Protein backbone atom coordinates (compact mmCIF):
# COMPACT_ATOMS: atom_id res chain seq x y z
CA MET A 1 119.16 113.66 123.38
CA THR A 2 116.94 112.63 126.20
CA SER A 3 120.00 112.30 128.27
CA SER A 4 121.09 115.90 127.26
CA LEU A 5 117.85 117.33 128.41
CA ILE A 6 117.49 115.62 131.55
CA ASP A 7 121.10 115.18 133.06
CA LEU A 8 122.74 118.12 131.40
CA GLN A 9 124.36 120.43 133.82
CA VAL A 10 123.94 123.95 132.53
CA LEU A 11 127.17 126.29 132.42
CA TYR A 12 125.59 129.45 131.06
CA CYS A 13 122.38 130.63 130.14
CA ALA A 14 121.90 133.97 128.36
CA LYS A 15 118.66 135.14 129.78
CA PRO A 16 116.16 133.51 132.65
CA GLU A 17 113.38 133.03 130.10
CA TYR A 18 115.38 130.75 128.27
CA MET A 19 116.25 128.65 131.43
CA GLU A 20 112.44 128.59 132.23
CA LYS A 21 111.83 127.22 128.85
CA PHE A 22 114.57 124.69 129.17
CA ASN A 23 113.26 123.52 132.51
CA ALA A 24 109.62 123.13 131.22
CA TYR A 25 111.02 120.99 128.57
CA ARG A 26 112.84 118.91 130.90
CA GLN A 27 109.83 118.46 133.13
CA ARG A 28 107.71 117.25 130.27
CA ALA A 29 110.64 114.65 129.67
CA LEU A 30 110.39 113.71 133.42
CA ASP A 31 106.75 113.32 133.18
CA THR A 32 106.57 111.08 130.27
CA LEU A 33 109.10 108.70 131.85
CA ALA A 34 107.43 108.47 135.10
CA LYS A 35 104.43 107.15 133.34
CA PRO A 36 104.02 103.35 133.56
CA ILE A 37 104.64 101.37 130.60
CA GLY A 38 101.59 101.48 128.53
CA SER A 39 100.16 102.73 124.99
CA GLU A 40 102.39 105.76 125.03
CA CYS A 41 105.93 104.47 125.01
CA ILE A 42 104.88 101.34 123.16
CA GLY A 43 103.41 103.52 120.49
CA ARG A 44 107.00 105.32 120.41
CA ALA A 45 108.67 101.85 119.89
CA LYS A 46 106.55 100.81 116.97
CA LYS A 47 107.79 104.04 115.01
CA TRP A 48 111.29 102.85 115.51
CA ILE A 49 110.50 99.15 114.63
CA ASP A 50 108.57 100.21 111.49
CA SER A 51 111.91 101.83 110.57
CA ALA A 52 114.12 98.83 111.10
CA LYS A 53 111.54 96.98 108.98
CA GLN A 54 112.19 99.57 106.18
CA GLU A 55 116.00 99.08 106.56
CA TYR A 56 115.86 95.21 106.76
CA ALA A 57 114.28 95.52 103.20
CA ASN A 58 117.22 97.44 102.06
CA THR A 59 119.41 94.78 103.51
CA MET A 60 117.53 92.45 101.06
CA LEU A 61 117.65 94.68 98.07
CA ALA A 62 121.38 95.93 98.29
CA GLU A 63 123.86 93.78 96.11
CA ASP A 64 127.25 94.56 97.74
CA LEU A 65 128.53 93.78 100.97
CA GLY A 66 129.09 97.38 102.39
CA THR A 67 125.54 98.67 101.60
CA VAL A 68 123.87 95.44 103.08
CA ARG A 69 126.06 96.15 106.29
CA LEU A 70 125.21 99.67 106.52
CA ALA A 71 121.36 98.69 106.28
CA SER A 72 122.03 96.23 108.93
CA CYS A 73 123.65 98.90 111.14
CA GLU A 74 120.26 100.96 110.55
CA VAL A 75 118.33 98.07 111.49
CA VAL A 76 120.18 97.61 114.91
CA TYR A 77 120.28 101.34 115.58
CA ASN A 78 116.42 101.57 115.37
CA LEU A 79 115.87 98.29 117.42
CA VAL A 80 117.88 99.35 120.31
CA TYR A 81 115.90 102.49 120.39
CA ALA A 82 112.71 100.61 120.06
CA LEU A 83 113.61 98.42 122.97
CA THR A 84 114.75 101.44 124.99
CA ASN A 85 111.14 102.96 124.39
CA LEU A 86 109.40 99.56 125.34
CA ASN A 87 110.94 100.05 128.65
CA ASN A 88 110.03 103.67 128.96
CA THR A 89 113.56 104.85 129.51
CA TYR A 90 116.53 106.33 127.65
CA PHE A 91 120.15 105.71 127.24
CA LYS A 92 122.32 107.46 130.06
CA ARG A 93 125.63 106.91 128.83
CA GLY A 94 127.50 106.77 125.43
CA LEU A 95 127.53 104.19 122.79
CA LYS A 96 129.94 101.98 124.54
CA ARG A 97 127.87 101.36 127.32
CA TYR A 98 124.66 100.44 125.46
CA LEU A 99 124.77 96.75 126.06
CA GLU A 100 125.62 97.48 129.66
CA GLU A 101 122.20 99.69 129.99
CA ILE A 102 120.04 97.32 128.05
CA SER A 103 121.16 94.37 130.23
CA THR A 104 119.39 96.32 133.16
CA TYR A 105 116.12 96.77 131.39
CA ARG A 106 113.11 94.85 132.60
CA TYR A 107 112.00 93.75 129.15
CA ILE A 108 114.38 92.29 126.74
CA PRO A 109 114.30 89.22 124.29
CA GLU A 110 115.46 86.34 125.42
CA ASP A 111 119.27 85.78 124.67
CA PHE A 112 119.36 89.32 123.43
CA GLU A 113 123.00 90.02 123.90
CA THR A 114 124.07 86.83 121.69
CA ILE A 115 121.48 87.70 118.84
CA TYR A 116 122.84 91.14 119.05
CA MET A 117 126.40 90.33 118.77
CA ASP A 118 125.65 87.77 115.87
CA VAL A 119 124.83 90.64 113.66
CA ILE A 120 127.82 92.23 114.36
CA HIS A 121 129.95 88.95 113.92
CA ALA A 122 128.27 88.17 110.47
CA LYS A 123 130.75 87.95 107.93
CA ASN A 124 128.97 87.82 104.58
CA MET A 125 125.64 89.09 103.09
CA ASP A 126 123.73 85.90 103.75
CA ASP A 127 124.86 85.89 107.26
CA ILE A 128 124.07 89.59 107.76
CA ARG A 129 120.58 89.07 106.46
CA SER A 130 119.66 86.13 108.64
CA THR A 131 121.23 87.29 111.87
CA THR A 132 119.50 90.98 111.32
CA TYR A 133 116.24 89.27 110.66
CA THR A 134 116.48 86.98 113.83
CA LEU A 135 117.03 90.29 115.82
CA LEU A 136 114.34 92.01 114.09
CA ARG A 137 111.88 89.31 114.83
CA SER A 138 112.97 89.15 118.62
CA ILE A 139 112.05 92.68 119.03
CA HIS A 140 108.96 92.44 117.20
CA ASP A 141 107.65 89.74 119.29
CA LEU A 142 108.50 91.36 122.43
CA TYR A 143 106.66 94.36 121.07
CA ASN A 144 103.62 92.14 120.40
CA THR A 145 103.62 90.56 123.88
CA LEU A 146 103.89 94.06 125.65
CA TYR A 147 101.32 95.29 123.49
CA GLN A 148 98.89 92.75 124.54
CA LYS A 149 100.07 93.12 128.21
CA TYR A 150 99.87 96.96 128.65
CA VAL A 151 97.66 98.46 126.05
CA ILE A 152 94.03 98.38 126.89
CA GLN A 153 92.29 96.50 124.16
CA PRO A 154 88.84 97.72 122.98
CA VAL A 155 85.78 95.90 123.33
CA PRO A 156 82.96 96.07 120.76
CA ALA A 157 80.08 98.30 122.02
CA TYR A 158 76.94 100.11 120.68
CA ASP A 159 78.46 103.37 120.07
CA ASN A 160 81.95 102.43 118.70
CA LEU A 161 80.67 99.80 116.23
CA ALA A 162 78.31 102.70 114.79
CA GLY A 163 78.29 102.70 111.03
CA THR A 164 81.09 100.24 110.41
CA TYR A 165 78.86 97.20 109.15
CA GLU A 166 77.28 99.74 106.69
CA GLU A 167 80.66 100.92 105.65
CA LEU A 168 81.98 97.39 105.25
CA TRP A 169 78.70 97.03 102.91
CA CYS A 170 79.08 99.86 100.85
CA ASN A 171 82.80 100.02 100.32
CA TYR A 172 83.35 96.46 99.58
CA ARG A 173 80.45 94.09 99.24
CA HIS A 174 79.39 95.02 95.82
CA LYS A 175 83.38 95.41 94.47
CA VAL A 176 83.80 91.68 96.06
CA ILE A 177 80.89 90.14 94.13
CA ALA A 178 81.42 92.32 90.70
CA SER A 179 84.97 91.18 90.71
CA ALA A 180 84.38 87.82 91.06
CA GLU A 181 81.37 88.05 88.54
CA MET A 182 83.85 89.57 86.13
CA LYS A 183 86.54 87.12 86.85
CA ASP A 184 88.68 90.29 87.16
CA LYS A 185 91.59 89.02 89.10
CA SER A 186 93.39 92.53 89.51
CA TYR A 187 90.21 94.14 90.91
CA ALA A 188 89.54 91.52 93.19
CA PHE A 189 92.90 91.38 94.44
CA TYR A 190 92.98 94.92 95.69
CA THR A 191 89.40 94.77 96.78
CA ALA A 192 90.33 91.73 98.93
CA MET A 193 93.23 93.70 100.13
CA GLY A 194 90.91 96.77 101.16
CA ALA A 195 88.35 94.71 102.73
CA GLN A 196 91.29 92.83 104.88
CA GLN A 197 92.55 96.22 106.17
CA PHE A 198 89.37 97.70 107.08
CA LEU A 199 88.51 94.55 109.17
CA ASP A 200 92.02 94.52 110.74
CA GLU A 201 91.59 98.18 111.87
CA MET A 202 88.19 97.23 113.26
CA THR A 203 89.80 94.59 115.31
CA GLU A 204 92.38 96.98 116.38
CA SER A 205 90.02 100.12 116.90
CA ARG A 206 86.77 98.44 118.06
CA GLY A 207 87.88 94.97 119.48
CA THR A 208 85.84 93.01 116.72
CA ARG A 209 87.17 89.24 116.22
CA ARG A 210 89.98 88.78 113.75
CA PHE A 211 88.96 87.88 110.26
CA ASP A 212 91.72 86.50 107.82
CA LEU A 213 90.05 86.75 104.73
CA LEU A 214 93.06 86.69 102.73
CA GLN A 215 93.82 83.00 103.49
CA HIS A 216 91.00 82.26 101.41
CA PHE A 217 91.89 84.63 98.21
CA ASP A 218 92.67 82.41 95.18
CA ALA A 219 92.80 84.30 91.82
CA ASP A 220 91.83 81.13 89.85
CA GLN A 221 88.85 80.64 92.70
CA LEU A 222 87.14 84.27 93.11
CA ASP A 223 83.71 82.78 93.75
CA GLY A 224 85.18 80.97 96.82
CA PHE A 225 86.82 84.19 98.16
CA LYS A 226 83.17 85.73 97.63
CA GLU A 227 81.47 83.25 99.65
CA GLN A 228 84.16 83.73 102.37
CA PHE A 229 83.89 87.43 102.26
CA LEU A 230 80.14 87.34 102.68
CA LEU A 231 80.37 84.78 105.48
CA ALA A 232 82.71 87.30 107.21
CA MET A 233 80.16 89.83 106.62
CA ASP A 234 77.43 87.82 108.58
CA GLU A 235 79.56 87.12 111.39
CA TYR A 236 80.53 90.92 111.47
CA LEU A 237 76.63 91.61 111.82
CA GLU A 238 76.54 89.07 114.93
CA GLU A 239 78.81 91.97 116.36
CA TYR A 240 75.98 94.45 115.78
CA ASN A 241 73.49 92.00 117.29
CA ARG A 242 75.52 91.36 120.53
CA THR A 243 75.48 95.25 121.15
CA GLY A 244 71.92 95.58 120.27
CA ARG A 245 72.80 97.68 117.31
CA SER A 246 70.53 97.77 114.08
CA VAL A 247 71.80 98.18 110.62
CA GLU A 248 70.83 101.31 109.31
CA ARG A 249 68.98 100.53 105.62
CA TYR A 250 67.42 103.12 103.26
CA ASP A 251 65.28 102.09 100.32
CA THR A 252 66.27 104.94 98.27
CA PHE A 253 69.07 107.52 97.93
CA GLU A 254 66.29 110.31 98.38
CA GLU A 255 65.60 108.93 102.13
CA LEU A 256 69.22 108.56 102.92
CA TYR A 257 69.98 112.19 101.89
CA ARG A 258 66.88 113.59 103.95
CA GLN A 259 68.22 111.42 106.89
CA TYR A 260 71.76 113.01 106.79
CA MET A 261 70.97 116.27 105.49
CA LYS A 262 68.31 116.85 107.92
CA VAL A 263 65.95 118.22 105.01
């Protein structure tokens, strides 16, 4: 559709204001494509990759050849558009020229055409699944490489860390300790998931170090996970210390209420 917007030759337009509106959209597209590769186009690519992952799950869940192949087609479709966005460009020609255009891109996986054609040549469900995974993995790895290269990574700072240690304490510390003491494996499982997601979010948005908590999760050794979590909290606190930020602490709920409600 981008090609239709940018390269289209208008033969008829009912009113001048329609043409003005069309040209405004065209200019927006041109301005977007004129930008260097960065967080915007890489972010667009991630949406296509996420859709490809969902369709790959369908290749694993389907039980007949045609449905597996259709899901694989959807994976490939999403991945070629992810690749196009990673290069901040668009397809200028039709379907039969896709590979020809992709071969001119600055960033493509090694042996891309071979990996791509392996999916098309696959004969049975196992082959379709394995070749589709290889293609998905190649684009996913390329995305990670370009993300690290072109997306400016945040750095922990006094302002951007504000409230994050306190949130980790309030939302997860008690849950981790309580679930371990109760030997409640399901409770501990979901708490561990939430804590890991929070820490991952802090790494992505604040630039804190990466914590791999879930490698320590063992439903039969919850005390061990609790200790690793508390150790991670201590290490996260060091991020505060390095930026000169102090933890906000309150002895009573009333003190907290007065502070935040300004009463």
